Amino acid sequence: MKISKSTLSGEEYEIPSNLDDSVNIDNFIEANHGKKIIVVQGLGFVGAVMSIVCANSPKDEYAVIGIDLPSPDSYWKICSINNGIFPIISSDNKVEKYFKNSKEKENFYD
């Protein structure tokens, strides 16, 4: 059993042996029908923030899928985002606002 531990909360997440998320991704794409899909690889500072900036396009024409490796160092970021907690601490107030907006608009998936 592989574990990924959040550097923010210390919470531990088990990395699943089956990582096929194609059904959920297909559902996300269908729910965002008509929008252009952006996929961002890497949910570190740059990738995570870039994901929510794209998801907050003023024209609302983008749906964003953020992906990262299922490694002990990074899998917790996916779980945190899915639990409504942005995995990056920033002094820029727009980061938290954009994350909240993208989750409310349901156009950000990871």
PDB file of N, CA and C in Angstrom:
ATOM      1  N   MET A   1       0.847  -1.181   0.000  1.00  0.00           N
ATOM      2  CA  MET A   1       0.000   0.000   0.000  1.00  0.00           C
ATOM      3  C   MET A   1       0.891   1.243   0.000  1.00  0.00           C
ATOM      4  N   LYS A   2       0.668   2.121  -0.998  1.00  0.00           N
ATOM      5  CA  LYS A   2       1.419   3.370  -1.087  1.00  0.00           C
ATOM      6  C   LYS A   2       0.573   4.496  -0.508  1.00  0.00           C
ATOM      7  N   ILE A   3       1.238   5.381   0.217  1.00  0.00           N
ATOM      8  CA  ILE A   3       0.580   6.498   0.887  1.00  0.00           C
ATOM      9  C   ILE A   3       1.181   7.811   0.388  1.00  0.00           C
ATOM     10  N   SER A   4       0.326   8.810   0.225  1.00  0.00           N
ATOM     11  CA  SER A   4       0.749  10.164  -0.103  1.00  0.00           C
ATOM     12  C   SER A   4       0.286  11.069   1.030  1.00  0.00           C
ATOM     13  N   LYS A   5       1.214  11.808   1.602  1.00  0.00           N
ATOM     14  CA  LYS A   5       0.907  12.637   2.775  1.00  0.00           C
ATOM     15  C   LYS A   5       0.920  14.124   2.401  1.00  0.00           C
ATOM     16  N   SER A   6      -0.160  14.812   2.737  1.00  0.00           N
ATOM     17  CA  SER A   6      -0.270  16.240   2.465  1.00  0.00           C
ATOM     18  C   SER A   6       0.772  17.011   3.260  1.00  0.00           C
ATOM     19  N   THR A   7       1.494  17.887   2.573  1.00  0.00           N
ATOM     20  CA  THR A   7       2.453  18.742   3.272  1.00  0.00           C
ATOM     21  C   THR A   7       1.759  19.896   3.980  1.00  0.00           C
ATOM     22  N   LEU A   8       0.468  20.117   3.671  1.00  0.00           N
ATOM     23  CA  LEU A   8      -0.284  21.197   4.319  1.00  0.00           C
ATOM     24  C   LEU A   8      -0.967  20.738   5.597  1.00  0.00           C
ATOM     25  N   SER A   9      -1.664  19.605   5.529  1.00  0.00           N
ATOM     26  CA  SER A   9      -2.469  19.162   6.665  1.00  0.00           C
ATOM     27  C   SER A   9      -1.904  17.937   7.376  1.00  0.00           C
ATOM     28  N   GLY A  10      -1.007  17.232   6.722  1.00  0.00           N
ATOM     29  CA  GLY A  10      -0.493  15.991   7.281  1.00  0.00           C
ATOM     30  C   GLY A  10      -1.404  14.799   7.023  1.00  0.00           C
ATOM     31  N   GLU A  11      -2.545  15.049   6.381  1.00  0.00           N
ATOM     32  CA  GLU A  11      -3.483  13.968   6.090  1.00  0.00           C
ATOM     33  C   GLU A  11      -2.849  12.993   5.094  1.00  0.00           C
ATOM     34  N   GLU A  12      -3.126  11.716   5.314  1.00  0.00           N
ATOM     35  CA  GLU A  12      -2.574  10.683   4.453  1.00  0.00           C
ATOM     36  C   GLU A  12      -3.654  10.113   3.546  1.00  0.00           C
ATOM     37  N   TYR A  13      -3.274   9.852   2.292  1.00  0.00           N
ATOM     38  CA  TYR A  13      -4.175   9.306   1.287  1.00  0.00           C
ATOM     39  C   TYR A  13      -3.548   8.059   0.687  1.00  0.00           C
ATOM     40  N   GLU A  14      -4.344   7.013   0.593  1.00  0.00           N
ATOM     41  CA  GLU A  14      -3.870   5.794  -0.043  1.00  0.00           C
ATOM     42  C   GLU A  14      -3.929   5.973  -1.556  1.00  0.00           C
ATOM     43  N   ILE A  15      -2.846   5.631  -2.225  1.00  0.00           N
ATOM     44  CA  ILE A  15      -2.809   5.697  -3.676  1.00  0.00           C
ATOM     45  C   ILE A  15      -3.458   4.417  -4.196  1.00  0.00           C
ATOM     46  N   PRO A  16      -4.562   4.548  -4.937  1.00  0.00           N
ATOM     47  CA  PRO A  16      -5.267   3.348  -5.397  1.00  0.00           C
ATOM     48  C   PRO A  16      -4.450   2.555  -6.414  1.00  0.00           C
ATOM     49  N   SER A  17      -4.678   1.259  -6.428  1.00  0.00           N
ATOM     50  CA  SER A  17      -3.968   0.420  -7.394  1.00  0.00           C
ATOM     51  C   SER A  17      -4.555   0.583  -8.793  1.00  0.00           C
ATOM     52  N   ASN A  18      -5.852   0.875  -8.884  1.00  0.00           N
ATOM     53  CA  ASN A  18      -6.501   1.110 -10.176  1.00  0.00           C
ATOM     54  C   ASN A  18      -6.679   2.613 -10.341  1.00  0.00           C
ATOM     55  N   LEU A  19      -5.943   3.187 -11.264  1.00  0.00           N
ATOM     56  CA  LEU A  19      -5.965   4.643 -11.454  1.00  0.00           C
ATOM     57  C   LEU A  19      -6.799   5.074 -12.656  1.00  0.00           C
ATOM     58  N   ASP A  20      -7.592   4.166 -13.184  1.00  0.00           N
ATOM     59  CA  ASP A  20      -8.418   4.484 -14.349  1.00  0.00           C
ATOM     60  C   ASP A  20      -9.575   5.383 -13.920  1.00  0.00           C
ATOM     61  N   ASP A  21      -9.518   6.627 -14.342  1.00  0.00           N
ATOM     62  CA  ASP A  21     -10.547   7.616 -14.004  1.00  0.00           C
ATOM     63  C   ASP A  21     -11.317   8.040 -15.250  1.00  0.00           C
ATOM     64  N   SER A  22     -11.288   7.204 -16.280  1.00  0.00           N
ATOM     65  CA  SER A  22     -11.864   7.581 -17.567  1.00  0.00           C
ATOM     66  C   SER A  22     -13.368   7.842 -17.501  1.00  0.00           C
ATOM     67  N   VAL A  23     -14.099   7.116 -16.675  1.00  0.00           N
ATOM     68  CA  VAL A  23     -15.547   7.329 -16.575  1.00  0.00           C
ATOM     69  C   VAL A  23     -15.835   8.717 -15.998  1.00  0.00           C
ATOM     70  N   ASN A  24     -15.150   9.085 -14.926  1.00  0.00           N
ATOM     71  CA  ASN A  24     -15.363  10.410 -14.329  1.00  0.00           C
ATOM     72  C   ASN A  24     -14.925  11.524 -15.271  1.00  0.00           C
ATOM     73  N   ILE A  25     -13.838  11.304 -15.989  1.00  0.00           N
ATOM     74  CA  ILE A  25     -13.377  12.311 -16.944  1.00  0.00           C
ATOM     75  C   ILE A  25     -14.392  12.464 -18.074  1.00  0.00           C
ATOM     76  N   ASP A  26     -14.894  11.349 -18.586  1.00  0.00           N
ATOM     77  CA  ASP A  26     -15.924  11.421 -19.633  1.00  0.00           C
ATOM     78  C   ASP A  26     -17.167  12.158 -19.142  1.00  0.00           C
ATOM     79  N   ASN A  27     -17.578  11.907 -17.904  1.00  0.00           N
ATOM     80  CA  ASN A  27     -18.739  12.598 -17.328  1.00  0.00           C
ATOM     81  C   ASN A  27     -18.481  14.103 -17.198  1.00  0.00           C
ATOM     82  N   PHE A  28     -17.273  14.467 -16.785  1.00  0.00           N
ATOM     83  CA  PHE A  28     -16.907  15.878 -16.666  1.00  0.00           C
ATOM     84  C   PHE A  28     -16.962  16.566 -18.026  1.00  0.00           C
ATOM     85  N   ILE A  29     -16.409  15.913 -19.036  1.00  0.00           N
ATOM     86  CA  ILE A  29     -16.416  16.487 -20.385  1.00  0.00           C
ATOM     87  C   ILE A  29     -17.847  16.637 -20.895  1.00  0.00           C
ATOM     88  N   GLU A  30     -18.676  15.627 -20.657  1.00  0.00           N
ATOM     89  CA  GLU A  30     -20.075  15.698 -21.095  1.00  0.00           C
ATOM     90  C   GLU A  30     -20.822  16.829 -20.369  1.00  0.00           C
ATOM     91  N   ALA A  31     -20.567  16.987 -19.078  1.00  0.00           N
ATOM     92  CA  ALA A  31     -21.228  18.046 -18.299  1.00  0.00           C
ATOM     93  C   ALA A  31     -20.787  19.437 -18.757  1.00  0.00           C
ATOM     94  N   ASN A  32     -19.622  19.523 -19.367  1.00  0.00           N
ATOM     95  CA  ASN A  32     -19.095  20.797 -19.852  1.00  0.00           C
ATOM     96  C   ASN A  32     -19.145  20.861 -21.379  1.00  0.00           C
ATOM     97  N   HIS A  33     -20.130  20.187 -21.938  1.00  0.00           N
ATOM     98  CA  HIS A  33     -20.308  20.122 -23.393  1.00  0.00           C
ATOM     99  C   HIS A  33     -20.311  21.518 -24.008  1.00  0.00           C
ATOM    100  N   GLY A  34     -19.576  21.674 -25.071  1.00  0.00           N
ATOM    101  CA  GLY A  34     -19.510  22.958 -25.757  1.00  0.00           C
ATOM    102  C   GLY A  34     -18.341  23.822 -25.329  1.00  0.00           C
ATOM    103  N   LYS A  35     -17.721  23.485 -24.223  1.00  0.00           N
ATOM    104  CA  LYS A  35     -16.555  24.245 -23.769  1.00  0.00           C
ATOM    105  C   LYS A  35     -15.289  23.597 -24.314  1.00  0.00           C
ATOM    106  N   LYS A  36     -14.290  24.407 -24.524  1.00  0.00           N
ATOM    107  CA  LYS A  36     -12.975  23.892 -24.890  1.00  0.00           C
ATOM    108  C   LYS A  36     -12.364  23.258 -23.649  1.00  0.00           C
ATOM    109  N   ILE A  37     -11.706  22.118 -23.830  1.00  0.00           N
ATOM    110  CA  ILE A  37     -11.094  21.407 -22.710  1.00  0.00           C
ATOM    111  C   ILE A  37      -9.599  21.708 -22.670  1.00  0.00           C
ATOM    112  N   ILE A  38      -9.122  22.089 -21.512  1.00  0.00           N
ATOM    113  CA  ILE A  38      -7.698  22.316 -21.274  1.00  0.00           C
ATOM    114  C   ILE A  38      -7.248  21.258 -20.271  1.00  0.00           C
ATOM    115  N   VAL A  39      -6.120  20.619 -20.548  1.00  0.00           N
ATOM    116  CA  VAL A  39      -5.540  19.668 -19.605  1.00  0.00           C
ATOM    117  C   VAL A  39      -4.193  20.225 -19.161  1.00  0.00           C
ATOM    118  N   VAL A  40      -4.014  20.335 -17.859  1.00  0.00           N
ATOM    119  CA  VAL A  40      -2.770  20.853 -17.291  1.00  0.00           C
ATOM    120  C   VAL A  40      -2.071  19.711 -16.565  1.00  0.00           C
ATOM    121  N   GLN A  41      -0.856  19.396 -16.999  1.00  0.00           N
ATOM    122  CA  GLN A  41      -0.057  18.349 -16.375  1.00  0.00           C
ATOM    123  C   GLN A  41       0.787  18.958 -15.266  1.00  0.00           C
ATOM    124  N   GLY A  42       0.618  18.454 -14.071  1.00  0.00           N
ATOM    125  CA  GLY A  42       1.395  18.915 -12.928  1.00  0.00           C
ATOM    126  C   GLY A  42       0.597  19.884 -12.086  1.00  0.00           C
ATOM    127  N   LEU A  43       0.403  19.553 -10.825  1.00  0.00           N
ATOM    128  CA  LEU A  43      -0.370  20.405  -9.924  1.00  0.00           C
ATOM    129  C   LEU A  43       0.504  21.044  -8.852  1.00  0.00           C
ATOM    130  N   GLY A  44       1.748  21.350  -9.235  1.00  0.00           N
ATOM    131  CA  GLY A  44       2.606  22.154  -8.373  1.00  0.00           C
ATOM    132  C   GLY A  44       2.121  23.589  -8.415  1.00  0.00           C
ATOM    133  N   PHE A  45       2.932  24.535  -7.950  1.00  0.00           N
ATOM    134  CA  PHE A  45       2.473  25.921  -7.884  1.00  0.00           C
ATOM    135  C   PHE A  45       2.028  26.432  -9.254  1.00  0.00           C
ATOM    136  N   VAL A  46       2.853  26.272 -10.254  1.00  0.00           N
ATOM    137  CA  VAL A  46       2.527  26.815 -11.574  1.00  0.00           C
ATOM    138  C   VAL A  46       1.314  26.105 -12.174  1.00  0.00           C
ATOM    139  N   GLY A  47       1.307  24.785 -12.182  1.00  0.00           N
ATOM    140  CA  GLY A  47       0.214  24.036 -12.801  1.00  0.00           C
ATOM    141  C   GLY A  47      -1.116  24.228 -12.093  1.00  0.00           C
ATOM    142  N   ALA A  48      -1.102  24.192 -10.777  1.00  0.00           N
ATOM    143  CA  ALA A  48      -2.350  24.339 -10.020  1.00  0.00           C
ATOM    144  C   ALA A  48      -2.950  25.731 -10.225  1.00  0.00           C
ATOM    145  N   VAL A  49      -2.119  26.752 -10.141  1.00  0.00           N
ATOM    146  CA  VAL A  49      -2.612  28.119 -10.328  1.00  0.00           C
ATOM    147  C   VAL A  49      -3.036  28.337 -11.780  1.00  0.00           C
ATOM    148  N   MET A  50      -2.259  27.824 -12.731  1.00  0.00           N
ATOM    149  CA  MET A  50      -2.635  27.962 -14.144  1.00  0.00           C
ATOM    150  C   MET A  50      -3.990  27.306 -14.408  1.00  0.00           C
ATOM    151  N   SER A  51      -4.242  26.178 -13.768  1.00  0.00           N
ATOM    152  CA  SER A  51      -5.521  25.480 -13.942  1.00  0.00           C
ATOM    153  C   SER A  51      -6.699  26.355 -13.548  1.00  0.00           C
ATOM    154  N   ILE A  52      -6.603  26.983 -12.391  1.00  0.00           N
ATOM    155  CA  ILE A  52      -7.741  27.782 -11.931  1.00  0.00           C
ATOM    156  C   ILE A  52      -7.851  29.112 -12.670  1.00  0.00           C
ATOM    157  N   VAL A  53      -6.734  29.641 -13.150  1.00  0.00           N
ATOM    158  CA  VAL A  53      -6.804  30.861 -13.962  1.00  0.00           C
ATOM    159  C   VAL A  53      -7.556  30.559 -15.260  1.00  0.00           C
ATOM    160  N   CYS A  54      -7.219  29.444 -15.903  1.00  0.00           N
ATOM    161  CA  CYS A  54      -7.926  29.059 -17.141  1.00  0.00           C
ATOM    162  C   CYS A  54      -9.399  28.775 -16.863  1.00  0.00           C
ATOM    163  N   ALA A  55      -9.692  28.135 -15.743  1.00  0.00           N
ATOM    164  CA  ALA A  55     -11.079  27.811 -15.394  1.00  0.00           C
ATOM    165  C   ALA A  55     -11.903  29.063 -15.104  1.00  0.00           C
ATOM    166  N   ASN A  56     -11.232  30.169 -14.824  1.00  0.00           N
ATOM    167  CA  ASN A  56     -11.918  31.425 -14.533  1.00  0.00           C
ATOM    168  C   ASN A  56     -11.876  32.401 -15.696  1.00  0.00           C
ATOM    169  N   SER A  57     -11.748  31.887 -16.895  1.00  0.00           N
ATOM    170  CA  SER A  57     -11.785  32.734 -18.080  1.00  0.00           C
ATOM    171  C   SER A  57     -13.061  33.568 -18.053  1.00  0.00           C
ATOM    172  N   PRO A  58     -12.973  34.848 -18.346  1.00  0.00           N
ATOM    173  CA  PRO A  58     -14.173  35.690 -18.322  1.00  0.00           C
ATOM    174  C   PRO A  58     -15.268  35.215 -19.283  1.00  0.00           C
ATOM    175  N   LYS A  59     -14.886  34.502 -20.312  1.00  0.00           N
ATOM    176  CA  LYS A  59     -15.865  34.033 -21.289  1.00  0.00           C
ATOM    177  C   LYS A  59     -16.488  32.698 -20.896  1.00  0.00           C
ATOM    178  N   ASP A  60     -16.007  32.056 -19.817  1.00  0.00           N
ATOM    179  CA  ASP A  60     -16.539  30.771 -19.340  1.00  0.00           C
ATOM    180  C   ASP A  60     -16.585  29.711 -20.438  1.00  0.00           C
ATOM    181  N   GLU A  61     -15.626  29.714 -21.309  1.00  0.00           N
ATOM    182  CA  GLU A  61     -15.657  28.747 -22.389  1.00  0.00           C
ATOM    183  C   GLU A  61     -14.683  27.590 -22.191  1.00  0.00           C
ATOM    184  N   TYR A  62     -14.027  27.533 -21.054  1.00  0.00           N
ATOM    185  CA  TYR A  62     -13.046  26.488 -20.824  1.00  0.00           C
ATOM    186  C   TYR A  62     -13.445  25.593 -19.648  1.00  0.00           C
ATOM    187  N   ALA A  63     -13.184  24.315 -19.821  1.00  0.00           N
ATOM    188  CA  ALA A  63     -13.265  23.354 -18.724  1.00  0.00           C
ATOM    189  C   ALA A  63     -11.853  22.812 -18.571  1.00  0.00           C
ATOM    190  N   VAL A  64     -11.386  22.679 -17.347  1.00  0.00           N
ATOM    191  CA  VAL A  64      -9.990  22.352 -17.100  1.00  0.00           C
ATOM    192  C   VAL A  64      -9.871  21.047 -16.328  1.00  0.00           C
ATOM    193  N   ILE A  65      -8.970  20.200 -16.810  1.00  0.00           N
ATOM    194  CA  ILE A  65      -8.645  18.948 -16.136  1.00  0.00           C
ATOM    195  C   ILE A  65      -7.200  19.059 -15.675  1.00  0.00           C
ATOM    196  N   GLY A  66      -6.979  18.974 -14.375  1.00  0.00           N
ATOM    197  CA  GLY A  66      -5.631  18.987 -13.823  1.00  0.00           C
ATOM    198  C   GLY A  66      -5.207  17.568 -13.508  1.00  0.00           C
ATOM    199  N   ILE A  67      -4.007  17.210 -13.923  1.00  0.00           N
ATOM    200  CA  ILE A  67      -3.515  15.860 -13.643  1.00  0.00           C
ATOM    201  C   ILE A  67      -2.124  15.929 -13.023  1.00  0.00           C
ATOM    202  N   ASP A  68      -1.798  14.900 -12.278  1.00  0.00           N
ATOM    203  CA  ASP A  68      -0.475  14.793 -11.680  1.00  0.00           C
ATOM    204  C   ASP A  68      -0.145  13.328 -11.530  1.00  0.00           C
ATOM    205  N   LEU A  69       1.089  13.042 -11.268  1.00  0.00           N
ATOM    206  CA  LEU A  69       1.530  11.665 -11.093  1.00  0.00           C
ATOM    207  C   LEU A  69       0.971  11.093  -9.790  1.00  0.00           C
ATOM    208  N   PRO A  70       0.624   9.819  -9.794  1.00  0.00           N
ATOM    209  CA  PRO A  70       0.126   9.196  -8.555  1.00  0.00           C
ATOM    210  C   PRO A  70       1.278   8.737  -7.665  1.00  0.00           C
ATOM    211  N   SER A  71       2.144   9.663  -7.330  1.00  0.00           N
ATOM    212  CA  SER A  71       3.309   9.335  -6.504  1.00  0.00           C
ATOM    213  C   SER A  71       3.075   9.777  -5.063  1.00  0.00           C
ATOM    214  N   PRO A  72       3.839   9.234  -4.146  1.00  0.00           N
ATOM    215  CA  PRO A  72       3.706   9.669  -2.749  1.00  0.00           C
ATOM    216  C   PRO A  72       3.919  11.173  -2.569  1.00  0.00           C
ATOM    217  N   ASP A  73       4.723  11.775  -3.441  1.00  0.00           N
ATOM    218  CA  ASP A  73       4.991  13.207  -3.323  1.00  0.00           C
ATOM    219  C   ASP A  73       3.875  14.094  -3.870  1.00  0.00           C
ATOM    220  N   SER A  74       3.012  13.552  -4.734  1.00  0.00           N
ATOM    221  CA  SER A  74       2.056  14.438  -5.386  1.00  0.00           C
ATOM    222  C   SER A  74       0.595  14.002  -5.357  1.00  0.00           C
ATOM    223  N   TYR A  75       0.303  12.746  -5.081  1.00  0.00           N
ATOM    224  CA  TYR A  75      -1.083  12.286  -5.145  1.00  0.00           C
ATOM    225  C   TYR A  75      -1.990  13.043  -4.175  1.00  0.00           C
ATOM    226  N   TRP A  76      -1.480  13.458  -3.051  1.00  0.00           N
ATOM    227  CA  TRP A  76      -2.278  14.177  -2.056  1.00  0.00           C
ATOM    228  C   TRP A  76      -2.870  15.475  -2.612  1.00  0.00           C
ATOM    229  N   LYS A  77      -2.192  16.073  -3.611  1.00  0.00           N
ATOM    230  CA  LYS A  77      -2.701  17.314  -4.195  1.00  0.00           C
ATOM    231  C   LYS A  77      -4.042  17.076  -4.881  1.00  0.00           C
ATOM    232  N   ILE A  78      -4.146  15.965  -5.599  1.00  0.00           N
ATOM    233  CA  ILE A  78      -5.397  15.610  -6.263  1.00  0.00           C
ATOM    234  C   ILE A  78      -6.499  15.426  -5.223  1.00  0.00           C
ATOM    235  N   CYS A  79      -6.201  14.687  -4.176  1.00  0.00           N
ATOM    236  CA  CYS A  79      -7.186  14.438  -3.116  1.00  0.00           C
ATOM    237  C   CYS A  79      -7.604  15.734  -2.429  1.00  0.00           C
ATOM    238  N   SER A  80      -6.650  16.602  -2.174  1.00  0.00           N
ATOM    239  CA  SER A  80      -6.967  17.879  -1.523  1.00  0.00           C
ATOM    240  C   SER A  80      -7.908  18.713  -2.380  1.00  0.00           C
ATOM    241  N   ILE A  81      -7.604  18.806  -3.671  1.00  0.00           N
ATOM    242  CA  ILE A  81      -8.466  19.568  -4.569  1.00  0.00           C
ATOM    243  C   ILE A  81      -9.865  18.965  -4.588  1.00  0.00           C
ATOM    244  N   ASN A  82      -9.940  17.641  -4.678  1.00  0.00           N
ATOM    245  CA  ASN A  82     -11.248  16.977  -4.687  1.00  0.00           C
ATOM    246  C   ASN A  82     -12.012  17.209  -3.388  1.00  0.00           C
ATOM    247  N   ASN A  83     -11.295  17.460  -2.303  1.00  0.00           N
ATOM    248  CA  ASN A  83     -11.923  17.739  -1.008  1.00  0.00           C
ATOM    249  C   ASN A  83     -12.170  19.231  -0.790  1.00  0.00           C
ATOM    250  N   GLY A  84     -11.929  20.039  -1.825  1.00  0.00           N
ATOM    251  CA  GLY A  84     -12.201  21.473  -1.723  1.00  0.00           C
ATOM    252  C   GLY A  84     -11.104  22.286  -1.070  1.00  0.00           C
ATOM    253  N   ILE A  85      -9.886  21.737  -0.994  1.00  0.00           N
ATOM    254  CA  ILE A  85      -8.764  22.439  -0.379  1.00  0.00           C
ATOM    255  C   ILE A  85      -7.686  22.629  -1.442  1.00  0.00           C
ATOM    256  N   PHE A  86      -7.368  23.877  -1.756  1.00  0.00           N
ATOM    257  CA  PHE A  86      -6.343  24.139  -2.761  1.00  0.00           C
ATOM    258  C   PHE A  86      -4.978  23.794  -2.185  1.00  0.00           C
ATOM    259  N   PRO A  87      -4.145  23.052  -2.926  1.00  0.00           N
ATOM    260  CA  PRO A  87      -2.898  22.532  -2.361  1.00  0.00           C
ATOM    261  C   PRO A  87      -1.732  23.510  -2.343  1.00  0.00           C
ATOM    262  N   ILE A  88      -1.980  24.750  -2.668  1.00  0.00           N
ATOM    263  CA  ILE A  88      -0.915  25.747  -2.744  1.00  0.00           C
ATOM    264  C   ILE A  88      -1.262  26.915  -1.833  1.00  0.00           C
ATOM    265  N   ILE A  89      -0.296  27.358  -1.058  1.00  0.00           N
ATOM    266  CA  ILE A  89      -0.475  28.549  -0.228  1.00  0.00           C
ATOM    267  C   ILE A  89       0.103  29.734  -0.987  1.00  0.00           C
ATOM    268  N   SER A  90      -0.693  30.790  -1.123  1.00  0.00           N
ATOM    269  CA  SER A  90      -0.259  31.974  -1.851  1.00  0.00           C
ATOM    270  C   SER A  90      -0.732  33.222  -1.123  1.00  0.00           C
ATOM    271  N   SER A  91       0.059  34.266  -1.219  1.00  0.00           N
ATOM    272  CA  SER A  91      -0.353  35.540  -0.629  1.00  0.00           C
ATOM    273  C   SER A  91      -1.317  36.287  -1.546  1.00  0.00           C
ATOM    274  N   ASP A  92      -1.500  35.795  -2.753  1.00  0.00           N
ATOM    275  CA  ASP A  92      -2.422  36.413  -3.708  1.00  0.00           C
ATOM    276  C   ASP A  92      -3.840  35.952  -3.398  1.00  0.00           C
ATOM    277  N   ASN A  93      -4.705  36.876  -2.981  1.00  0.00           N
ATOM    278  CA  ASN A  93      -6.078  36.540  -2.599  1.00  0.00           C
ATOM    279  C   ASN A  93      -6.894  35.973  -3.758  1.00  0.00           C
ATOM    280  N   LYS A  94      -6.505  36.268  -4.985  1.00  0.00           N
ATOM    281  CA  LYS A  94      -7.242  35.772  -6.144  1.00  0.00           C
ATOM    282  C   LYS A  94      -7.130  34.252  -6.269  1.00  0.00           C
ATOM    283  N   VAL A  95      -6.073  33.669  -5.761  1.00  0.00           N
ATOM    284  CA  VAL A  95      -5.890  32.223  -5.884  1.00  0.00           C
ATOM    285  C   VAL A  95      -7.043  31.486  -5.207  1.00  0.00           C
ATOM    286  N   GLU A  96      -7.332  31.813  -3.979  1.00  0.00           N
ATOM    287  CA  GLU A  96      -8.433  31.147  -3.268  1.00  0.00           C
ATOM    288  C   GLU A  96      -9.783  31.491  -3.910  1.00  0.00           C
ATOM    289  N   LYS A  97      -9.945  32.731  -4.324  1.00  0.00           N
ATOM    290  CA  LYS A  97     -11.191  33.149  -4.986  1.00  0.00           C
ATOM    291  C   LYS A  97     -11.388  32.381  -6.291  1.00  0.00           C
ATOM    292  N   TYR A  98     -10.365  32.276  -7.093  1.00  0.00           N
ATOM    293  CA  TYR A  98     -10.463  31.552  -8.364  1.00  0.00           C
ATOM    294  C   TYR A  98     -10.728  30.072  -8.136  1.00  0.00           C
ATOM    295  N   PHE A  99     -10.104  29.493  -7.127  1.00  0.00           N
ATOM    296  CA  PHE A  99     -10.344  28.075  -6.824  1.00  0.00           C
ATOM    297  C   PHE A  99     -11.807  27.863  -6.442  1.00  0.00           C
ATOM    298  N   LYS A 100     -12.305  28.717  -5.560  1.00  0.00           N
ATOM    299  CA  LYS A 100     -13.705  28.607  -5.129  1.00  0.00           C
ATOM    300  C   LYS A 100     -14.650  28.777  -6.319  1.00  0.00           C
ATOM    301  N   ASN A 101     -14.391  29.759  -7.156  1.00  0.00           N
ATOM    302  CA  ASN A 101     -15.235  29.990  -8.334  1.00  0.00           C
ATOM    303  C   ASN A 101     -15.235  28.781  -9.264  1.00  0.00           C
ATOM    304  N   SER A 102     -14.076  28.212  -9.502  1.00  0.00           N
ATOM    305  CA  SER A 102     -13.994  27.080 -10.434  1.00  0.00           C
ATOM    306  C   SER A 102     -14.712  25.853  -9.889  1.00  0.00           C
ATOM    307  N   LYS A 103     -14.673  25.659  -8.596  1.00  0.00           N
ATOM    308  CA  LYS A 103     -15.401  24.531  -8.000  1.00  0.00           C
ATOM    309  C   LYS A 103     -16.915  24.784  -8.070  1.00  0.00           C
ATOM    310  N   GLU A 104     -17.334  26.031  -7.838  1.00  0.00           N
ATOM    311  CA  GLU A 104     -18.758  26.364  -7.931  1.00  0.00           C
ATOM    312  C   GLU A 104     -19.280  26.224  -9.360  1.00  0.00           C
ATOM    313  N   LYS A 105     -18.468  26.619 -10.344  1.00  0.00           N
ATOM    314  CA  LYS A 105     -18.865  26.512 -11.743  1.00  0.00           C
ATOM    315  C   LYS A 105     -18.721  25.087 -12.267  1.00  0.00           C
ATOM    316  N   GLU A 106     -18.085  24.236 -11.487  1.00  0.00           N
ATOM    317  CA  GLU A 106     -17.858  22.836 -11.840  1.00  0.00           C
ATOM    318  C   GLU A 106     -17.156  22.686 -13.187  1.00  0.00           C
ATOM    319  N   ASN A 107     -16.189  23.567 -13.437  1.00  0.00           N
ATOM    320  CA  ASN A 107     -15.428  23.471 -14.674  1.00  0.00           C
ATOM    321  C   ASN A 107     -13.955  23.189 -14.418  1.00  0.00           C
ATOM    322  N   PHE A 108     -13.650  22.637 -13.261  1.00  0.00           N
ATOM    323  CA  PHE A 108     -12.280  22.246 -12.905  1.00  0.00           C
ATOM    324  C   PHE A 108     -12.347  20.852 -12.311  1.00  0.00           C
ATOM    325  N   TYR A 109     -11.619  19.943 -12.925  1.00  0.00           N
ATOM    326  CA  TYR A 109     -11.608  18.540 -12.480  1.00  0.00           C
ATOM    327  C   TYR A 109     -10.165  18.068 -12.378  1.00  0.00           C
ATOM    328  N   ASP A 110      -9.899  17.266 -11.408  1.00  0.00           N
ATOM    329  CA  ASP A 110      -8.560  16.686 -11.274  1.00  0.00           C
ATOM    330  C   ASP A 110      -8.660  15.267 -10.779  1.00  0.00           C
TER     331      ASP A 110
END
